[in-house]
């Protein structure tokens, strides 16, 4: 993609609880199952469900399968561990020199 830096960083990671800000699933919450930093996309549990017509294979039978599709990271917000409300994310360097993510709403450190 044009204009996107190599090794792009995202403020949302696999395992984070997020709130959907925009799209057909606006208002839903879920866990990030997978993240694609270069594409700036995340896969959120039970959000952006699509139907796929699957061919039969050794692992599964043929039919219509419903599964999650990736959404853009700008359409989700991390959930504050204190208030369970959506928050923006900042960064902070601790005394030991470790860089951690911080919830802007409460100032709570997200990374443990």
C-alpha atoms as a PDB file:
ATOM      1  CA  UNK A   1       0.000   0.000   0.000  1.00  0.00           C
ATOM      2  CA  UNK A   2       1.250   3.422  -0.896  1.00  0.00           C
ATOM      3  CA  UNK A   3       2.328   5.728   1.890  1.00  0.00           C
ATOM      4  CA  UNK A   4       2.437   3.088   4.594  1.00  0.00           C
ATOM      5  CA  UNK A   5       5.665   2.803   6.556  1.00  0.00           C
ATOM      6  CA  UNK A   6       7.490  -0.493   6.746  1.00  0.00           C
ATOM      7  CA  UNK A   7       7.136  -2.149  10.178  1.00  0.00           C
ATOM      8  CA  UNK A   8       4.018  -0.144  11.094  1.00  0.00           C
ATOM      9  CA  UNK A   9       3.117  -0.141  14.804  1.00  0.00           C
ATOM     10  CA  UNK A  10      -0.425  -0.535  16.067  1.00  0.00           C
ATOM     11  CA  UNK A  11      -1.748   0.356  19.503  1.00  0.00           C
ATOM     12  CA  UNK A  12      -4.004  -2.724  19.522  1.00  0.00           C
ATOM     13  CA  UNK A  13      -2.603  -6.240  19.949  1.00  0.00           C
ATOM     14  CA  UNK A  14      -3.795  -9.836  19.927  1.00  0.00           C
ATOM     15  CA  UNK A  15      -5.694 -10.632  23.127  1.00  0.00           C
ATOM     16  CA  UNK A  16      -6.871  -7.039  23.756  1.00  0.00           C
ATOM     17  CA  UNK A  17     -10.522  -6.308  24.551  1.00  0.00           C
ATOM     18  CA  UNK A  18     -11.808  -3.725  22.052  1.00  0.00           C
ATOM     19  CA  UNK A  19     -14.956  -1.687  21.380  1.00  0.00           C
ATOM     20  CA  UNK A  20     -16.170  -1.264  17.781  1.00  0.00           C
ATOM     21  CA  UNK A  21     -16.565   2.446  16.936  1.00  0.00           C
ATOM     22  CA  UNK A  22     -17.870   2.252  13.355  1.00  0.00           C
ATOM     23  CA  UNK A  23     -19.431  -0.103  10.835  1.00  0.00           C
ATOM     24  CA  UNK A  24     -22.294  -2.579  10.907  1.00  0.00           C
ATOM     25  CA  UNK A  25     -21.220  -3.900  14.341  1.00  0.00           C
ATOM     26  CA  UNK A  26     -20.850  -0.475  16.003  1.00  0.00           C
ATOM     27  CA  UNK A  27     -21.177  -0.747  19.792  1.00  0.00           C
ATOM     28  CA  UNK A  28     -20.087  -4.377  20.071  1.00  0.00           C
ATOM     29  CA  UNK A  29     -17.110  -5.526  22.098  1.00  0.00           C
ATOM     30  CA  UNK A  30     -14.807  -8.469  21.562  1.00  0.00           C
ATOM     31  CA  UNK A  31     -11.313  -9.846  21.846  1.00  0.00           C
ATOM     32  CA  UNK A  32      -8.699  -9.348  19.137  1.00  0.00           C
ATOM     33  CA  UNK A  33      -7.992 -12.794  17.700  1.00  0.00           C
ATOM     34  CA  UNK A  34      -5.348 -11.725  15.198  1.00  0.00           C
ATOM     35  CA  UNK A  35      -3.632  -8.536  14.026  1.00  0.00           C
ATOM     36  CA  UNK A  36      -2.063  -7.548  10.692  1.00  0.00           C
ATOM     37  CA  UNK A  37       0.097  -4.460  11.432  1.00  0.00           C
ATOM     38  CA  UNK A  38       1.216  -3.924   7.814  1.00  0.00           C
ATOM     39  CA  UNK A  39      -2.391  -3.932   6.600  1.00  0.00           C
ATOM     40  CA  UNK A  40      -3.590  -1.997   9.705  1.00  0.00           C
ATOM     41  CA  UNK A  41      -6.337  -4.586  10.300  1.00  0.00           C
ATOM     42  CA  UNK A  42      -7.545  -6.704  13.216  1.00  0.00           C
ATOM     43  CA  UNK A  43      -9.792  -9.767  13.543  1.00  0.00           C
ATOM     44  CA  UNK A  44     -12.257  -9.298  16.414  1.00  0.00           C
ATOM     45  CA  UNK A  45     -14.214 -12.172  17.953  1.00  0.00           C
ATOM     46  CA  UNK A  46     -17.877 -12.284  16.744  1.00  0.00           C
ATOM     47  CA  UNK A  47     -17.542  -8.935  14.899  1.00  0.00           C
ATOM     48  CA  UNK A  48     -17.922  -8.375  11.128  1.00  0.00           C
ATOM     49  CA  UNK A  49     -19.341 -11.860  10.545  1.00  0.00           C
ATOM     50  CA  UNK A  50     -19.470 -12.902   6.885  1.00  0.00           C
ATOM     51  CA  UNK A  51     -20.740 -16.024   5.136  1.00  0.00           C
ATOM     52  CA  UNK A  52     -18.306 -18.057   3.050  1.00  0.00           C
ATOM     53  CA  UNK A  53     -19.255 -20.873   0.689  1.00  0.00           C
ATOM     54  CA  UNK A  54     -16.711 -23.581   1.514  1.00  0.00           C
ATOM     55  CA  UNK A  55     -15.710 -26.521  -0.649  1.00  0.00           C
ATOM     56  CA  UNK A  56     -15.504 -29.937   1.040  1.00  0.00           C
ATOM     57  CA  UNK A  57     -12.058 -30.961   2.287  1.00  0.00           C
ATOM     58  CA  UNK A  58     -10.628 -33.656   4.541  1.00  0.00           C
ATOM     59  CA  UNK A  59     -11.148 -31.391   7.580  1.00  0.00           C
ATOM     60  CA  UNK A  60     -14.717 -30.226   6.890  1.00  0.00           C
ATOM     61  CA  UNK A  61     -17.837 -30.787   4.843  1.00  0.00           C
ATOM     62  CA  UNK A  62     -19.088 -28.432   2.146  1.00  0.00           C
ATOM     63  CA  UNK A  63     -21.538 -25.685   3.050  1.00  0.00           C
ATOM     64  CA  UNK A  64     -21.970 -22.090   4.092  1.00  0.00           C
ATOM     65  CA  UNK A  65     -19.674 -21.161   6.972  1.00  0.00           C
ATOM     66  CA  UNK A  66     -20.038 -17.991   9.029  1.00  0.00           C
ATOM     67  CA  UNK A  67     -16.754 -16.487  10.209  1.00  0.00           C
ATOM     68  CA  UNK A  68     -15.128 -13.207  11.212  1.00  0.00           C
ATOM     69  CA  UNK A  69     -13.606 -10.868   8.645  1.00  0.00           C
ATOM     70  CA  UNK A  70     -10.855  -8.346   9.451  1.00  0.00           C
ATOM     71  CA  UNK A  71     -11.758  -4.707  10.183  1.00  0.00           C
ATOM     72  CA  UNK A  72      -9.593  -1.606  10.087  1.00  0.00           C
ATOM     73  CA  UNK A  73      -7.832  -0.760  13.349  1.00  0.00           C
ATOM     74  CA  UNK A  74      -9.181   2.830  13.234  1.00  0.00           C
ATOM     75  CA  UNK A  75     -12.697   1.422  13.751  1.00  0.00           C
ATOM     76  CA  UNK A  76     -11.871  -0.081  17.152  1.00  0.00           C
ATOM     77  CA  UNK A  77     -10.871   1.399  20.517  1.00  0.00           C
ATOM     78  CA  UNK A  78      -9.173  -0.403  23.363  1.00  0.00           C
ATOM     79  CA  UNK A  79     -11.302  -0.958  26.465  1.00  0.00           C
ATOM     80  CA  UNK A  80      -9.988   0.719  29.622  1.00  0.00           C
ATOM     81  CA  UNK A  81      -9.185  -1.944  32.263  1.00  0.00           C
ATOM     82  CA  UNK A  82     -10.561   0.343  35.033  1.00  0.00           C
ATOM     83  CA  UNK A  83     -13.870   1.632  33.672  1.00  0.00           C
ATOM     84  CA  UNK A  84     -14.671  -0.909  30.897  1.00  0.00           C
ATOM     85  CA  UNK A  85     -15.195   2.035  28.526  1.00  0.00           C
ATOM     86  CA  UNK A  86     -13.367   2.738  25.252  1.00  0.00           C
ATOM     87  CA  UNK A  87     -10.146   4.710  25.553  1.00  0.00           C
ATOM     88  CA  UNK A  88      -7.332   6.049  23.426  1.00  0.00           C
ATOM     89  CA  UNK A  89      -3.885   4.582  23.927  1.00  0.00           C
ATOM     90  CA  UNK A  90      -0.641   6.329  24.770  1.00  0.00           C
ATOM     91  CA  UNK A  91       2.870   5.156  25.528  1.00  0.00           C
ATOM     92  CA  UNK A  92       5.031   5.661  28.593  1.00  0.00           C
ATOM     93  CA  UNK A  93       8.571   4.590  29.464  1.00  0.00           C
ATOM     94  CA  UNK A  94       8.937   3.088  32.942  1.00  0.00           C
ATOM     95  CA  UNK A  95      11.950   3.562  35.256  1.00  0.00           C
ATOM     96  CA  UNK A  96      13.531   0.319  34.035  1.00  0.00           C
ATOM     97  CA  UNK A  97      13.456   1.629  30.464  1.00  0.00           C
ATOM     98  CA  UNK A  98      10.500  -0.569  29.444  1.00  0.00           C
ATOM     99  CA  UNK A  99       7.957   1.035  27.092  1.00  0.00           C
ATOM    100  CA  UNK A 100       4.333   0.250  27.978  1.00  0.00           C
ATOM    101  CA  UNK A 101       0.890   1.155  26.650  1.00  0.00           C
ATOM    102  CA  UNK A 102      -1.212   3.453  28.841  1.00  0.00           C
ATOM    103  CA  UNK A 103      -4.990   4.048  28.794  1.00  0.00           C
ATOM    104  CA  UNK A 104      -5.556   7.791  28.213  1.00  0.00           C
ATOM    105  CA  UNK A 105      -8.909   7.736  30.046  1.00  0.00           C
ATOM    106  CA  UNK A 106      -7.546   6.512  33.408  1.00  0.00           C
ATOM    107  CA  UNK A 107      -3.752   6.541  33.080  1.00  0.00           C
ATOM    108  CA  UNK A 108      -3.769   2.803  33.839  1.00  0.00           C
ATOM    109  CA  UNK A 109      -0.871   0.738  32.410  1.00  0.00           C
ATOM    110  CA  UNK A 110      -2.301  -1.819  29.959  1.00  0.00           C
ATOM    111  CA  UNK A 111       0.793  -4.008  29.479  1.00  0.00           C
ATOM    112  CA  UNK A 112       1.647  -6.149  32.465  1.00  0.00           C
END
